[in-house]
């Protein structure tokens, strides 16, 4: 019996790895000026990595593509994010009225095109192509986790790595301001893109307006289905595409999690920081500065019996819940390493 016990203890002491769930999102692209296609979202990869203990793994958070400062430039691509060998590509910039073919740029998801141009290509498994221009001053939306339409950006990706929240508030599906009672002590902040879902055929996509105590207020921008329900699940959305436009007065919507088109000589909407969305294109030649794409993020989830140590440089926050530690790493453009123990 003693020999068996020693053998079991010896086996326990030889554990050399930890299972790490990850979500890695690259920076989104920026839209262009002067009548422009929406930008593509940053590439997105998720899964599980078996990581060795006491081994340093590279971390980089991709910056969003910088907005351009005149109406003769296409939008800029976002930058890659990295965890170990997992490195999705930044989103493609939007095509521009004043740049040759008006094509959107290639990226993790492709940028939308201007007029008769072609949407940029996406990378299989990371995102989709941007929308093509439809002619007659119709500018394509940026690609994302779902395909772009002609002028609307593609919708982002719902991911529950940080935990799904619930609400039993009785709310009717519709656009505009909606209020939900949720748990206290959560990490919601203004501008974050979320999906509030009853089921796969009935949900609302929008951005957080405010969160205080147990009250979550959401600006709902897109819906599917109809009816009033009192059983909701709430998850973050990542990597939405930027919107294009039909003309200066008819604008394309950002995909859920991405920026909408400005329209009528106005700035497009920026991508949300640390969600990898593409920014919307500007509407009309009177606007000479476009908005930035959203920076990327790396989220790592490990059993709460383990820990992660960062060498310094990135900004990271830790939540311990449900038997797991969840690390959210957000400082764009900074490289670091993480070691598990």
Protein backbone atom coordinates (compact mmCIF):
# COMPACT_ATOMS: atom_id res chain seq x y z
CA UNK A 1 0.00 0.00 0.00
CA UNK A 2 2.81 2.42 0.86
CA UNK A 3 4.45 1.76 -2.51
CA UNK A 4 1.18 2.43 -4.31
CA UNK A 5 0.73 5.74 -2.46
CA UNK A 6 4.26 6.85 -3.27
CA UNK A 7 3.69 5.94 -6.91
CA UNK A 8 0.50 8.02 -7.05
CA UNK A 9 2.24 10.97 -5.41
CA UNK A 10 5.06 10.68 -7.91
CA UNK A 11 2.61 10.80 -10.80
CA UNK A 12 0.89 13.88 -9.36
CA UNK A 13 4.18 15.70 -9.07
CA UNK A 14 4.99 15.18 -12.75
CA UNK A 15 2.15 17.38 -14.08
CA UNK A 16 3.87 19.72 -16.56
CA UNK A 17 1.10 21.49 -18.42
CA UNK A 18 -2.15 23.41 -18.12
CA UNK A 19 -5.14 23.68 -20.43
CA UNK A 20 -5.63 27.30 -21.56
CA UNK A 21 -8.80 28.45 -23.30
CA UNK A 22 -8.04 31.50 -25.43
CA UNK A 23 -9.68 34.22 -27.48
CA UNK A 24 -7.25 36.24 -29.63
CA UNK A 25 -8.57 39.20 -31.65
CA UNK A 26 -6.41 41.39 -33.90
CA UNK A 27 -6.86 45.13 -34.38
CA UNK A 28 -9.58 46.30 -36.77
CA UNK A 29 -8.87 48.38 -39.86
CA UNK A 30 -9.78 52.03 -40.37
CA UNK A 31 -12.24 53.38 -42.89
CA UNK A 32 -11.19 55.94 -45.48
CA UNK A 33 -12.31 59.51 -46.23
CA UNK A 34 -14.15 61.24 -49.02
CA UNK A 35 -16.84 58.64 -49.58
CA UNK A 36 -15.42 55.34 -48.43
CA UNK A 37 -15.92 51.66 -47.74
CA UNK A 38 -16.09 50.42 -44.17
CA UNK A 39 -13.06 48.71 -42.68
CA UNK A 40 -12.65 45.02 -41.97
CA UNK A 41 -12.59 43.60 -38.47
CA UNK A 42 -9.48 42.11 -36.96
CA UNK A 43 -9.05 38.38 -37.43
CA UNK A 44 -10.39 36.26 -34.57
CA UNK A 45 -9.16 32.87 -33.33
CA UNK A 46 -10.39 30.90 -30.32
CA UNK A 47 -9.73 27.47 -28.91
CA UNK A 48 -7.70 25.59 -26.32
CA UNK A 49 -3.92 25.33 -25.99
CA UNK A 50 -2.06 22.82 -23.83
CA UNK A 51 0.64 25.08 -22.36
CA UNK A 52 3.78 23.93 -20.60
CA UNK A 53 4.26 25.16 -17.05
CA UNK A 54 7.20 27.54 -16.41
CA UNK A 55 7.49 28.33 -20.13
CA UNK A 56 7.20 31.93 -21.38
CA UNK A 57 4.65 32.51 -24.15
CA UNK A 58 4.62 35.64 -26.28
CA UNK A 59 1.76 38.14 -25.99
CA UNK A 60 1.03 41.09 -28.27
CA UNK A 61 -2.14 43.15 -28.51
CA UNK A 62 -2.70 44.49 -32.02
CA UNK A 63 -3.44 48.18 -32.48
CA UNK A 64 -6.37 49.32 -34.58
CA UNK A 65 -5.57 50.84 -37.96
CA UNK A 66 -4.94 54.58 -37.66
CA UNK A 67 -7.46 56.89 -39.25
CA UNK A 68 -6.27 58.66 -42.40
CA UNK A 69 -5.98 62.43 -42.60
CA UNK A 70 -7.02 63.27 -46.14
CA UNK A 71 -9.51 62.04 -48.69
CA UNK A 72 -6.92 60.65 -51.08
CA UNK A 73 -5.94 57.70 -48.90
CA UNK A 74 -7.47 54.29 -48.32
CA UNK A 75 -7.90 53.18 -44.71
CA UNK A 76 -5.08 51.50 -42.79
CA UNK A 77 -4.95 47.87 -41.74
CA UNK A 78 -5.00 46.87 -38.09
CA UNK A 79 -2.12 44.97 -36.48
CA UNK A 80 -1.90 41.31 -35.49
CA UNK A 81 -2.43 40.08 -31.93
CA UNK A 82 -0.43 37.10 -30.66
CA UNK A 83 -0.59 34.45 -27.97
CA UNK A 84 2.13 31.82 -28.43
CA UNK A 85 1.88 30.74 -32.10
CA UNK A 86 -1.73 31.93 -32.39
CA UNK A 87 -1.63 35.19 -34.35
CA UNK A 88 -4.70 36.46 -36.22
CA UNK A 89 -4.15 39.16 -38.85
CA UNK A 90 -5.33 42.77 -38.55
CA UNK A 91 -8.44 43.91 -40.40
CA UNK A 92 -8.23 45.46 -43.88
CA UNK A 93 -8.66 49.20 -44.46
CA UNK A 94 -11.63 50.55 -46.39
CA UNK A 95 -11.37 51.48 -50.05
CA UNK A 96 -11.38 55.14 -51.07
CA UNK A 97 -12.96 57.27 -53.81
CA UNK A 98 -9.59 58.81 -54.72
CA UNK A 99 -7.41 55.69 -54.81
CA UNK A 100 -7.09 53.90 -58.17
CA UNK A 101 -9.46 50.95 -58.22
CA UNK A 102 -11.19 51.73 -54.94
CA UNK A 103 -10.62 48.18 -53.71
CA UNK A 104 -10.81 47.38 -50.03
CA UNK A 105 -7.60 46.10 -48.45
CA UNK A 106 -7.03 42.46 -47.59
CA UNK A 107 -6.79 41.44 -43.92
CA UNK A 108 -8.08 39.08 -41.25
CA UNK A 109 -11.38 40.37 -42.56
CA UNK A 110 -11.35 42.44 -45.74
CA UNK A 111 -12.17 46.12 -46.06
CA UNK A 112 -15.19 47.30 -48.05
CA UNK A 113 -14.72 48.78 -51.53
CA UNK A 114 -15.64 52.10 -53.10
CA UNK A 115 -17.99 52.34 -56.10
CA UNK A 116 -17.02 49.63 -58.62
CA UNK A 117 -14.12 48.27 -56.58
CA UNK A 118 -13.76 44.84 -55.00
CA UNK A 119 -13.90 44.12 -51.28
CA UNK A 120 -10.66 43.01 -49.66
CA UNK A 121 -10.26 39.30 -48.95
CA UNK A 122 -10.40 37.78 -45.47
CA UNK A 123 -8.47 34.82 -44.08
CA UNK A 124 -10.36 31.55 -43.79
CA UNK A 125 -11.05 30.74 -40.16
CA UNK A 126 -10.40 34.34 -39.06
CA UNK A 127 -12.93 36.43 -40.95
CA UNK A 128 -14.69 37.21 -44.21
CA UNK A 129 -14.24 39.41 -47.27
CA UNK A 130 -15.42 42.99 -47.37
CA UNK A 131 -18.41 44.02 -49.44
CA UNK A 132 -17.85 45.15 -53.02
CA UNK A 133 -18.85 48.58 -54.25
CA UNK A 134 -22.18 48.53 -56.03
CA UNK A 135 -21.49 51.41 -58.43
CA UNK A 136 -23.27 54.76 -58.36
CA UNK A 137 -21.43 55.78 -55.21
CA UNK A 138 -22.35 52.65 -53.27
CA UNK A 139 -19.56 51.68 -50.88
CA UNK A 140 -19.17 48.21 -49.36
CA UNK A 141 -19.17 47.36 -45.68
CA UNK A 142 -16.20 45.72 -43.99
CA UNK A 143 -15.95 41.99 -43.42
CA UNK A 144 -16.07 40.42 -39.98
CA UNK A 145 -16.88 37.15 -38.26
CA UNK A 146 -19.86 37.05 -40.65
CA UNK A 147 -19.94 38.21 -44.26
CA UNK A 148 -20.58 41.85 -45.08
CA UNK A 149 -23.67 42.88 -47.04
CA UNK A 150 -23.49 45.42 -49.83
CA UNK A 151 -23.17 48.43 -47.51
CA UNK A 152 -23.55 47.09 -43.97
CA UNK A 153 -20.54 45.69 -42.14
CA UNK A 154 -20.48 42.02 -41.24
CA UNK A 155 -21.63 41.11 -37.74
CA UNK A 156 -19.08 40.31 -35.09
CA UNK A 157 -18.65 37.03 -33.24
CA UNK A 158 -20.38 36.17 -29.97
CA UNK A 159 -17.94 34.61 -27.49
CA UNK A 160 -18.67 33.50 -23.91
CA UNK A 161 -15.09 32.97 -22.64
CA UNK A 162 -15.60 35.61 -19.94
CA UNK A 163 -18.92 34.10 -18.87
CA UNK A 164 -22.52 34.48 -20.01
CA UNK A 165 -24.68 36.79 -17.89
CA UNK A 166 -28.45 36.39 -17.53
CA UNK A 167 -31.45 38.63 -16.99
CA UNK A 168 -35.11 37.91 -16.22
CA UNK A 169 -36.29 41.42 -17.16
CA UNK A 170 -39.41 41.50 -19.33
CA UNK A 171 -38.30 43.36 -22.47
CA UNK A 172 -39.71 43.58 -25.99
CA UNK A 173 -37.32 43.07 -28.91
CA UNK A 174 -36.70 46.37 -30.67
CA UNK A 175 -34.11 49.04 -31.36
CA UNK A 176 -33.28 51.95 -29.07
CA UNK A 177 -32.62 52.03 -25.33
CA UNK A 178 -33.40 48.85 -23.37
CA UNK A 179 -32.79 48.22 -19.66
CA UNK A 180 -31.99 44.84 -18.09
CA UNK A 181 -31.57 43.84 -14.45
CA UNK A 182 -28.38 41.81 -14.07
CA UNK A 183 -26.01 40.80 -11.27
CA UNK A 184 -23.97 43.44 -9.47
CA UNK A 185 -20.18 43.66 -9.61
CA UNK A 186 -19.83 42.92 -13.34
CA UNK A 187 -17.29 44.53 -15.68
CA UNK A 188 -19.53 46.25 -18.23
CA UNK A 189 -18.54 49.70 -19.41
CA UNK A 190 -19.98 52.16 -21.93
CA UNK A 191 -19.49 51.31 -25.60
CA UNK A 192 -18.90 47.56 -25.26
CA UNK A 193 -20.69 45.54 -27.99
CA UNK A 194 -23.01 42.82 -26.68
CA UNK A 195 -25.76 40.43 -27.78
CA UNK A 196 -28.85 40.00 -25.58
CA UNK A 197 -30.44 36.73 -26.70
CA UNK A 198 -33.63 34.85 -25.94
CA UNK A 199 -32.85 32.14 -28.48
CA UNK A 200 -31.11 31.78 -31.85
CA UNK A 201 -34.07 33.35 -33.65
CA UNK A 202 -34.79 36.19 -31.22
CA UNK A 203 -32.07 38.55 -30.04
CA UNK A 204 -30.82 42.14 -29.89
CA UNK A 205 -27.34 43.47 -30.73
CA UNK A 206 -26.09 46.78 -29.40
CA UNK A 207 -23.64 48.61 -27.19
CA UNK A 208 -23.60 49.20 -23.47
CA UNK A 209 -24.85 52.68 -22.60
CA UNK A 210 -24.32 52.36 -18.86
CA UNK A 211 -24.03 49.85 -16.02
CA UNK A 212 -24.73 50.77 -12.40
CA UNK A 213 -25.50 48.46 -9.47
CA UNK A 214 -27.77 45.87 -11.15
CA UNK A 215 -29.00 48.02 -14.07
CA UNK A 216 -27.58 47.45 -17.55
CA UNK A 217 -28.74 49.93 -20.21
CA UNK A 218 -28.16 48.92 -23.84
CA UNK A 219 -28.42 50.93 -27.07
CA UNK A 220 -29.91 48.27 -29.36
CA UNK A 221 -28.92 48.73 -33.01
CA UNK A 222 -29.90 45.48 -34.70
CA UNK A 223 -32.51 42.85 -33.95
CA UNK A 224 -33.66 39.46 -35.11
CA UNK A 225 -37.13 38.17 -34.34
CA UNK A 226 -39.86 39.82 -32.29
CA UNK A 227 -41.85 39.47 -29.09
CA UNK A 228 -41.48 40.13 -25.36
CA UNK A 229 -39.37 37.75 -23.28
CA UNK A 230 -38.11 37.48 -19.71
CA UNK A 231 -35.24 35.02 -20.03
CA UNK A 232 -32.11 36.54 -21.61
CA UNK A 233 -28.48 35.50 -22.01
CA UNK A 234 -25.91 38.28 -22.50
CA UNK A 235 -22.51 37.86 -24.16
CA UNK A 236 -19.83 40.14 -25.59
CA UNK A 237 -19.37 40.45 -29.35
CA UNK A 238 -15.97 40.85 -30.99
CA UNK A 239 -14.64 41.87 -34.41
CA UNK A 240 -17.54 43.57 -36.16
CA UNK A 241 -17.09 45.13 -39.63
CA UNK A 242 -17.41 48.85 -40.41
CA UNK A 243 -20.30 50.20 -42.46
CA UNK A 244 -20.15 51.66 -45.99
CA UNK A 245 -22.87 53.80 -47.58
CA UNK A 246 -25.25 54.20 -50.50
CA UNK A 247 -24.74 57.97 -50.75
CA UNK A 248 -24.03 60.87 -48.40
CA UNK A 249 -27.52 60.72 -46.94
CA UNK A 250 -28.12 56.96 -46.90
CA UNK A 251 -25.62 55.26 -44.66
CA UNK A 252 -24.65 51.66 -44.04
CA UNK A 253 -24.74 50.25 -40.53
CA UNK A 254 -21.75 48.86 -38.77
CA UNK A 255 -21.90 45.13 -38.24
CA UNK A 256 -22.67 44.26 -34.63
CA UNK A 257 -19.44 45.29 -32.87
CA UNK A 258 -18.20 47.48 -35.75
CA UNK A 259 -18.46 51.20 -36.54
CA UNK A 260 -21.22 52.67 -38.67
CA UNK A 261 -20.75 54.93 -41.70
CA UNK A 262 -20.79 58.67 -41.10
CA UNK A 263 -22.86 59.73 -44.09
CA UNK A 264 -23.72 63.29 -45.16
CA UNK A 265 -20.14 64.58 -44.92
CA UNK A 266 -19.71 63.21 -41.38
CA UNK A 267 -17.14 61.05 -39.64
CA UNK A 268 -17.68 57.34 -39.57
CA UNK A 269 -17.78 55.67 -36.17
CA UNK A 270 -14.58 54.33 -34.62
CA UNK A 271 -14.11 50.66 -33.81
CA UNK A 272 -14.44 49.81 -30.10
CA UNK A 273 -11.12 49.53 -28.27
CA UNK A 274 -10.19 45.96 -27.31
CA UNK A 275 -12.94 44.40 -29.40
CA UNK A 276 -11.20 44.49 -32.81
CA UNK A 277 -13.98 46.18 -34.79
CA UNK A 278 -13.43 48.01 -38.07
CA UNK A 279 -14.35 51.69 -38.25
CA UNK A 280 -17.03 53.00 -40.56
CA UNK A 281 -16.15 54.89 -43.72
CA UNK A 282 -16.65 58.65 -43.88
CA UNK A 283 -19.48 60.01 -45.99
CA UNK A 284 -18.63 62.62 -48.60
CA UNK A 285 -15.61 64.63 -49.66
CA UNK A 286 -16.05 67.24 -46.94
CA UNK A 287 -14.51 65.00 -44.25
CA UNK A 288 -10.74 64.69 -44.25
CA UNK A 289 -10.08 62.58 -41.14
CA UNK A 290 -11.35 59.05 -40.60
CA UNK A 291 -11.67 57.17 -37.33
CA UNK A 292 -9.38 54.50 -35.89
CA UNK A 293 -10.11 50.80 -35.93
CA UNK A 294 -10.63 49.10 -32.59
CA UNK A 295 -7.59 47.60 -30.91
CA UNK A 296 -7.47 43.86 -30.30
CA UNK A 297 -7.51 41.74 -27.16
CA UNK A 298 -6.21 38.44 -25.76
CA UNK A 299 -8.31 36.60 -23.17
CA UNK A 300 -6.92 33.55 -21.37
CA UNK A 301 -8.92 31.20 -19.12
CA UNK A 302 -7.27 28.64 -16.84
CA UNK A 303 -8.33 26.54 -13.82
CA UNK A 304 -8.28 28.58 -10.60
CA UNK A 305 -5.73 26.16 -9.16
CA UNK A 306 -3.22 27.65 -11.62
CA UNK A 307 -1.83 31.14 -12.10
CA UNK A 308 -0.43 33.31 -14.90
CA UNK A 309 2.52 35.68 -14.45
CA UNK A 310 3.19 38.51 -16.90
CA UNK A 311 6.66 39.90 -17.51
CA UNK A 312 5.34 43.47 -17.59
CA UNK A 313 4.19 45.82 -20.34
CA UNK A 314 0.63 44.81 -21.13
CA UNK A 315 -2.38 45.83 -19.12
CA UNK A 316 -4.26 42.84 -17.76
CA UNK A 317 -7.21 42.31 -15.47
CA UNK A 318 -8.14 39.13 -13.61
CA UNK A 319 -11.55 37.74 -12.70
CA UNK A 320 -11.92 34.49 -10.73
CA UNK A 321 -15.26 32.81 -11.26
CA UNK A 322 -16.81 29.36 -11.56
CA UNK A 323 -13.55 27.52 -10.89
CA UNK A 324 -11.53 29.53 -13.41
CA UNK A 325 -9.19 32.49 -13.59
CA UNK A 326 -9.86 34.71 -16.61
CA UNK A 327 -7.17 37.15 -17.71
CA UNK A 328 -8.07 39.97 -20.14
CA UNK A 329 -4.99 41.56 -21.75
CA UNK A 330 -5.59 44.90 -23.43
CA UNK A 331 -2.59 47.25 -23.91
CA UNK A 332 -2.37 47.75 -27.68
CA UNK A 333 0.97 47.62 -29.43
CA UNK A 334 2.90 46.33 -26.40
CA UNK A 335 4.70 42.97 -26.34
CA UNK A 336 4.95 40.83 -23.22
CA UNK A 337 5.21 37.22 -22.13
CA UNK A 338 3.01 35.07 -19.92
CA UNK A 339 4.16 32.07 -17.83
CA UNK A 340 1.78 29.57 -16.22
CA UNK A 341 2.38 27.86 -12.90
